[in-house]
Amino acid sequence: MTEVLRAMALAWEPEWGVVTSHPYDGLISEQVMPAGTSVGWMMYFSRLRGTVPPLPAPVRIEPVEDKGTLVILTPERFTASNSEHVALAARVHELLDSAGLLRKLQPWPTG
């Protein structure tokens, strides 16, 4: 999945992207801002959104060329039924939100 998200980021240069499950999305739906972003198993943040802060282990942070950053919460498949996964996602949500990365999506600059 990491390579799929990376390929999509390179092809489309989005502001943000996420890989998550329906059960987890339903669990956190109250935390997601309208037209905003959320935390999932894997996320992509364009460099235009800002810098990804240091995150707790086992989270991996990988550059996507000069476009942005991938954030992978766990090396194994993330599940909403795993309380450790959910707790890690909540902590990462806090850190990313504090860094301003989970703000509402913005129109792309033109020109």
Protein backbone atom coordinates (compact mmCIF):
# COMPACT_ATOMS: atom_id res chain seq x y z
CA MET A 1 0.00 0.00 0.00
CA THR A 2 2.89 2.36 0.68
CA GLU A 3 3.97 2.21 -2.94
CA VAL A 4 0.41 2.81 -4.15
CA LEU A 5 0.08 5.95 -2.01
CA ARG A 6 3.55 7.09 -3.11
CA ALA A 7 2.67 6.58 -6.80
CA MET A 8 -0.58 8.51 -6.39
CA ALA A 9 1.26 11.37 -4.68
CA LEU A 10 3.80 11.54 -7.50
CA ALA A 11 1.20 11.30 -10.26
CA TRP A 12 -1.37 13.75 -8.91
CA GLU A 13 0.56 15.90 -6.40
CA PRO A 14 -2.38 16.13 -3.96
CA GLU A 15 -2.37 18.24 -0.83
CA TRP A 16 -3.17 15.21 1.33
CA GLY A 17 -3.99 11.52 1.06
CA VAL A 18 -4.88 8.70 3.44
CA VAL A 19 -5.16 4.92 3.50
CA THR A 20 -7.61 3.77 6.16
CA SER A 21 -10.44 1.31 6.75
CA HIS A 22 -14.18 1.90 6.95
CA PRO A 23 -14.31 0.62 10.57
CA TYR A 24 -11.57 3.05 11.66
CA ASP A 25 -13.04 5.91 9.64
CA GLY A 26 -16.36 5.36 11.40
CA LEU A 27 -14.63 5.25 14.78
CA ILE A 28 -12.98 8.66 14.28
CA SER A 29 -15.66 10.39 12.19
CA GLU A 30 -16.35 12.85 15.01
CA GLN A 31 -12.69 14.00 14.97
CA VAL A 32 -12.62 14.77 11.24
CA MET A 33 -13.26 18.38 10.36
CA PRO A 34 -15.57 19.18 7.44
CA ALA A 35 -13.46 19.15 4.27
CA GLY A 36 -10.51 18.36 6.50
CA THR A 37 -8.00 15.63 6.94
CA SER A 38 -7.67 12.70 9.28
CA VAL A 39 -5.19 10.12 10.45
CA GLY A 40 -5.17 6.64 8.97
CA TRP A 41 -2.78 3.72 8.56
CA MET A 42 -0.83 5.68 5.94
CA MET A 43 -0.94 9.36 5.11
CA TYR A 44 0.62 11.69 2.57
CA PHE A 45 1.19 15.39 3.25
CA SER A 46 2.27 17.76 0.50
CA ARG A 47 5.27 19.88 1.48
CA LEU A 48 2.92 22.86 0.98
CA ARG A 49 1.05 21.79 4.15
CA GLY A 50 4.18 22.01 6.28
CA THR A 51 6.78 19.81 7.92
CA VAL A 52 5.89 16.51 9.55
CA PRO A 53 7.11 16.61 13.17
CA PRO A 54 8.97 13.75 14.86
CA LEU A 55 6.49 10.97 15.63
CA PRO A 56 6.64 8.06 18.11
CA ALA A 57 7.85 4.58 17.19
CA PRO A 58 6.90 2.50 15.27
CA VAL A 59 5.75 5.33 12.94
CA ARG A 60 7.86 5.73 9.79
CA ILE A 61 8.29 9.02 7.96
CA GLU A 62 9.46 8.82 4.33
CA PRO A 63 10.09 11.60 1.82
CA VAL A 64 8.29 11.48 -1.54
CA GLU A 65 10.91 13.12 -3.75
CA ASP A 66 10.56 16.90 -3.33
CA LYS A 67 6.75 16.67 -3.22
CA GLY A 68 5.93 15.76 0.38
CA THR A 69 6.03 13.11 3.07
CA LEU A 70 4.52 9.69 3.72
CA VAL A 71 3.63 8.77 7.29
CA ILE A 72 3.12 5.04 8.02
CA LEU A 73 1.72 4.30 11.48
CA THR A 74 2.57 0.61 11.72
CA PRO A 75 4.53 -1.86 9.62
CA GLU A 76 1.73 -4.41 10.03
CA ARG A 77 -1.82 -3.91 8.78
CA PHE A 78 -3.59 -1.26 10.86
CA THR A 79 -6.92 -2.36 12.35
CA ALA A 80 -9.59 -0.47 14.30
CA SER A 81 -10.03 -3.51 16.55
CA ASN A 82 -6.42 -3.25 17.80
CA SER A 83 -6.45 -0.89 20.80
CA GLU A 84 -2.70 -0.24 20.45
CA HIS A 85 -3.21 0.89 16.85
CA VAL A 86 -6.09 3.17 17.86
CA ALA A 87 -4.06 4.68 20.73
CA LEU A 88 -1.07 5.27 18.42
CA ALA A 89 -3.32 6.92 15.84
CA ALA A 90 -4.79 9.20 18.52
CA ARG A 91 -1.29 10.27 19.64
CA VAL A 92 -0.18 10.87 16.04
CA HIS A 93 -3.40 12.80 15.40
CA GLU A 94 -2.53 15.11 18.32
CA LEU A 95 1.00 15.71 17.05
CA LEU A 96 0.00 16.29 13.43
CA ASP A 97 -2.84 18.56 14.44
CA SER A 98 -0.50 20.60 16.69
CA ALA A 99 1.85 20.95 13.72
CA GLY A 100 -1.01 22.32 11.58
CA LEU A 101 -1.03 19.40 9.15
CA LEU A 102 -4.65 18.39 9.79
CA ARG A 103 -6.18 21.76 8.99
CA LYS A 104 -8.92 22.08 6.38
CA LEU A 105 -7.93 21.43 2.80
CA GLN A 106 -7.03 24.64 0.96
CA PRO A 107 -7.48 25.67 -2.67
CA TRP A 108 -4.23 25.23 -4.59
CA PRO A 109 -2.39 28.39 -5.49
CA THR A 110 -2.71 29.24 -9.20
CA GLY A 111 -0.44 31.21 -11.40
